[in-house]
N, C-alpha and C. Protein backbone atom coordinates (compact mmCIF):
# COMPACT_ATOMS: atom_id res chain seq x y z
N UNK A 1 80.64 135.16 62.76
CA UNK A 1 80.87 133.96 61.97
C UNK A 1 82.16 133.32 62.44
N UNK A 2 82.17 132.00 62.60
CA UNK A 2 83.35 131.27 63.02
C UNK A 2 84.16 130.81 61.89
N UNK A 3 85.33 130.34 62.11
CA UNK A 3 86.21 129.76 61.09
C UNK A 3 86.59 128.36 61.57
N UNK A 4 86.52 127.40 60.67
CA UNK A 4 86.83 126.04 61.00
C UNK A 4 88.03 125.59 60.19
N UNK A 5 89.04 125.04 60.81
CA UNK A 5 90.21 124.52 60.13
C UNK A 5 89.88 123.10 59.71
N UNK A 6 90.13 122.84 58.38
CA UNK A 6 89.71 121.53 57.85
C UNK A 6 90.83 120.50 57.80
N UNK A 7 92.04 120.81 58.32
CA UNK A 7 93.07 119.84 58.39
C UNK A 7 93.96 119.78 57.14
N UNK A 8 93.64 120.59 56.13
CA UNK A 8 94.42 120.58 54.89
C UNK A 8 94.84 122.04 54.58
N UNK A 9 95.15 122.79 55.64
CA UNK A 9 95.60 124.18 55.49
C UNK A 9 94.61 125.07 54.81
N UNK A 10 93.31 124.79 54.96
CA UNK A 10 92.27 125.66 54.43
C UNK A 10 91.24 125.86 55.52
N UNK A 11 90.61 126.98 55.49
CA UNK A 11 89.57 127.33 56.44
C UNK A 11 88.28 127.66 55.68
N UNK A 12 87.18 127.49 56.37
CA UNK A 12 85.91 127.87 55.75
C UNK A 12 84.99 128.37 56.86
N UNK A 13 84.10 129.31 56.51
CA UNK A 13 83.19 129.85 57.56
C UNK A 13 82.22 128.82 58.03
N UNK A 14 81.87 128.90 59.30
CA UNK A 14 80.99 127.91 59.93
C UNK A 14 79.62 128.49 60.29
N UNK A 15 79.46 129.77 60.24
CA UNK A 15 78.20 130.36 60.64
C UNK A 15 78.10 130.60 62.15
N UNK A 16 79.17 130.35 62.89
CA UNK A 16 79.23 130.66 64.31
C UNK A 16 78.92 129.49 65.23
N UNK A 17 78.16 128.54 64.85
CA UNK A 17 77.80 127.43 65.72
C UNK A 17 78.35 126.13 65.20
N UNK A 18 79.65 126.10 65.04
CA UNK A 18 80.28 124.93 64.43
C UNK A 18 80.25 123.74 65.41
N UNK A 19 79.95 122.59 64.90
CA UNK A 19 80.08 121.35 65.65
C UNK A 19 81.13 120.53 65.00
N UNK A 20 81.87 119.77 65.80
CA UNK A 20 82.83 118.85 65.23
C UNK A 20 82.10 117.65 64.60
N UNK A 21 82.82 116.93 63.81
CA UNK A 21 82.25 115.71 63.22
C UNK A 21 81.74 114.79 64.30
N UNK A 22 82.56 114.61 65.36
CA UNK A 22 82.20 113.74 66.46
C UNK A 22 80.91 114.21 67.15
N UNK A 23 80.80 115.52 67.36
CA UNK A 23 79.60 116.06 67.99
C UNK A 23 78.36 115.86 67.16
N UNK A 24 78.51 116.04 65.83
CA UNK A 24 77.39 115.83 64.91
C UNK A 24 77.00 114.35 64.90
N UNK A 25 78.01 113.52 64.90
CA UNK A 25 77.72 112.05 64.92
C UNK A 25 77.02 111.65 66.16
N UNK A 26 77.49 112.10 67.34
CA UNK A 26 76.81 111.80 68.59
C UNK A 26 75.37 112.32 68.60
N UNK A 27 75.16 113.54 68.15
CA UNK A 27 73.81 114.11 68.12
C UNK A 27 72.93 113.26 67.22
N UNK A 28 73.36 112.86 66.04
CA UNK A 28 72.56 112.05 65.13
C UNK A 28 72.28 110.71 65.75
N UNK A 29 73.24 110.12 66.47
CA UNK A 29 73.05 108.82 67.09
C UNK A 29 71.98 108.91 68.17
N UNK A 30 72.08 109.97 68.98
CA UNK A 30 71.10 110.15 70.07
C UNK A 30 69.72 110.42 69.53
N UNK A 31 69.65 111.23 68.48
CA UNK A 31 68.35 111.52 67.85
C UNK A 31 67.72 110.26 67.27
N UNK A 32 68.56 109.30 66.80
CA UNK A 32 68.06 108.05 66.27
C UNK A 32 67.70 107.07 67.39
N UNK A 33 68.06 107.41 68.63
CA UNK A 33 67.74 106.53 69.75
C UNK A 33 68.62 105.31 69.82
N UNK A 34 69.88 105.45 69.34
CA UNK A 34 70.79 104.31 69.30
C UNK A 34 71.91 104.47 70.37
N UNK A 35 72.30 103.31 70.94
CA UNK A 35 73.47 103.36 71.78
C UNK A 35 74.69 103.26 70.89
N UNK A 36 75.85 103.49 71.46
CA UNK A 36 77.07 103.35 70.69
C UNK A 36 77.23 101.92 70.16
N UNK A 37 76.94 100.97 71.02
CA UNK A 37 77.06 99.55 70.59
C UNK A 37 76.10 99.22 69.45
N UNK A 38 74.87 99.78 69.52
CA UNK A 38 73.89 99.51 68.43
C UNK A 38 74.35 100.12 67.13
N UNK A 39 74.93 101.36 67.18
CA UNK A 39 75.36 101.99 65.95
C UNK A 39 76.55 101.33 65.33
N UNK A 40 77.52 100.95 66.10
CA UNK A 40 78.73 100.41 65.46
C UNK A 40 78.55 98.93 65.01
N UNK A 41 77.61 98.20 65.63
CA UNK A 41 77.40 96.82 65.26
C UNK A 41 78.67 96.02 65.39
N UNK A 42 78.96 95.22 64.38
CA UNK A 42 80.18 94.42 64.39
C UNK A 42 81.22 94.94 63.36
N UNK A 43 81.05 96.22 62.94
CA UNK A 43 81.95 96.76 61.93
C UNK A 43 83.11 97.48 62.60
N UNK A 44 82.84 98.29 63.61
CA UNK A 44 83.91 98.96 64.38
C UNK A 44 83.61 98.70 65.85
N UNK A 45 84.60 98.92 66.68
CA UNK A 45 84.39 98.71 68.13
C UNK A 45 83.67 99.90 68.73
N UNK A 46 83.01 99.65 69.84
CA UNK A 46 82.36 100.76 70.57
C UNK A 46 83.36 101.75 71.03
N UNK A 47 84.57 101.23 71.41
CA UNK A 47 85.62 102.15 71.82
C UNK A 47 86.05 103.10 70.72
N UNK A 48 86.16 102.58 69.47
CA UNK A 48 86.50 103.44 68.35
C UNK A 48 85.42 104.48 68.08
N UNK A 49 84.19 104.08 68.17
CA UNK A 49 83.10 105.06 68.03
C UNK A 49 83.19 106.15 69.08
N UNK A 50 83.48 105.73 70.29
CA UNK A 50 83.65 106.73 71.38
C UNK A 50 84.80 107.69 71.07
N UNK A 51 85.89 107.17 70.55
CA UNK A 51 87.04 108.02 70.23
C UNK A 51 86.67 108.99 69.09
N UNK A 52 85.92 108.54 68.12
CA UNK A 52 85.47 109.39 67.02
C UNK A 52 84.55 110.48 67.58
N UNK A 53 83.58 110.11 68.37
CA UNK A 53 82.64 111.09 68.96
C UNK A 53 83.34 112.13 69.80
N UNK A 54 84.41 111.74 70.48
CA UNK A 54 85.14 112.66 71.36
C UNK A 54 86.24 113.43 70.62
N UNK A 55 86.37 113.17 69.31
CA UNK A 55 87.34 113.92 68.53
C UNK A 55 88.80 113.42 68.64
N UNK A 56 88.98 112.23 69.27
CA UNK A 56 90.31 111.70 69.47
C UNK A 56 90.75 110.79 68.31
N UNK A 57 89.83 110.45 67.41
CA UNK A 57 90.13 109.57 66.24
C UNK A 57 89.41 110.13 65.05
N UNK A 58 89.98 109.90 63.88
CA UNK A 58 89.36 110.31 62.64
C UNK A 58 88.94 109.04 61.90
N UNK A 59 87.66 108.93 61.52
CA UNK A 59 87.17 107.76 60.87
C UNK A 59 87.59 107.73 59.38
N UNK A 60 87.69 106.56 58.83
CA UNK A 60 87.93 106.40 57.41
C UNK A 60 86.68 106.77 56.68
N UNK A 61 86.76 106.95 55.34
CA UNK A 61 85.57 107.21 54.57
C UNK A 61 84.63 106.05 54.58
N UNK A 62 85.15 104.81 54.58
CA UNK A 62 84.30 103.64 54.67
C UNK A 62 83.54 103.60 55.97
N UNK A 63 84.20 103.97 57.09
CA UNK A 63 83.52 104.00 58.36
C UNK A 63 82.46 105.05 58.39
N UNK A 64 82.75 106.23 57.82
CA UNK A 64 81.75 107.31 57.77
C UNK A 64 80.55 106.90 56.96
N UNK A 65 80.78 106.23 55.84
CA UNK A 65 79.66 105.76 54.99
C UNK A 65 78.82 104.75 55.74
N UNK A 66 79.45 103.85 56.47
CA UNK A 66 78.70 102.83 57.21
C UNK A 66 77.85 103.49 58.30
N UNK A 67 78.47 104.44 59.04
CA UNK A 67 77.76 105.10 60.14
C UNK A 67 76.59 105.92 59.56
N UNK A 68 76.85 106.62 58.47
CA UNK A 68 75.78 107.39 57.82
C UNK A 68 74.63 106.47 57.38
N UNK A 69 74.93 105.33 56.79
CA UNK A 69 73.89 104.40 56.38
C UNK A 69 73.10 103.94 57.56
N UNK A 70 73.78 103.56 58.63
CA UNK A 70 73.09 103.02 59.80
C UNK A 70 72.25 104.07 60.50
N UNK A 71 72.63 105.34 60.31
CA UNK A 71 71.84 106.48 60.89
C UNK A 71 70.75 106.94 59.96
N UNK A 72 70.74 106.36 58.75
CA UNK A 72 69.69 106.76 57.79
C UNK A 72 69.92 108.15 57.18
N UNK A 73 71.17 108.54 57.09
CA UNK A 73 71.55 109.86 56.56
C UNK A 73 72.09 109.76 55.17
């Protein structure tokens, strides 16, 4: 079982196959058959989505909600 650090000095078990938020987002986008440009639309830039998917940026809750909605999740 793996341990994932959540950024607030707390850890939780991951079951061993933990994916980062960005990895999960990329996987969902690809499963939906969307390009980065199609997913972000005119709400965020494609570059910002790339940074989120690569773990270099943390999205706001509003951005996460928008991406989730556009992915049908």
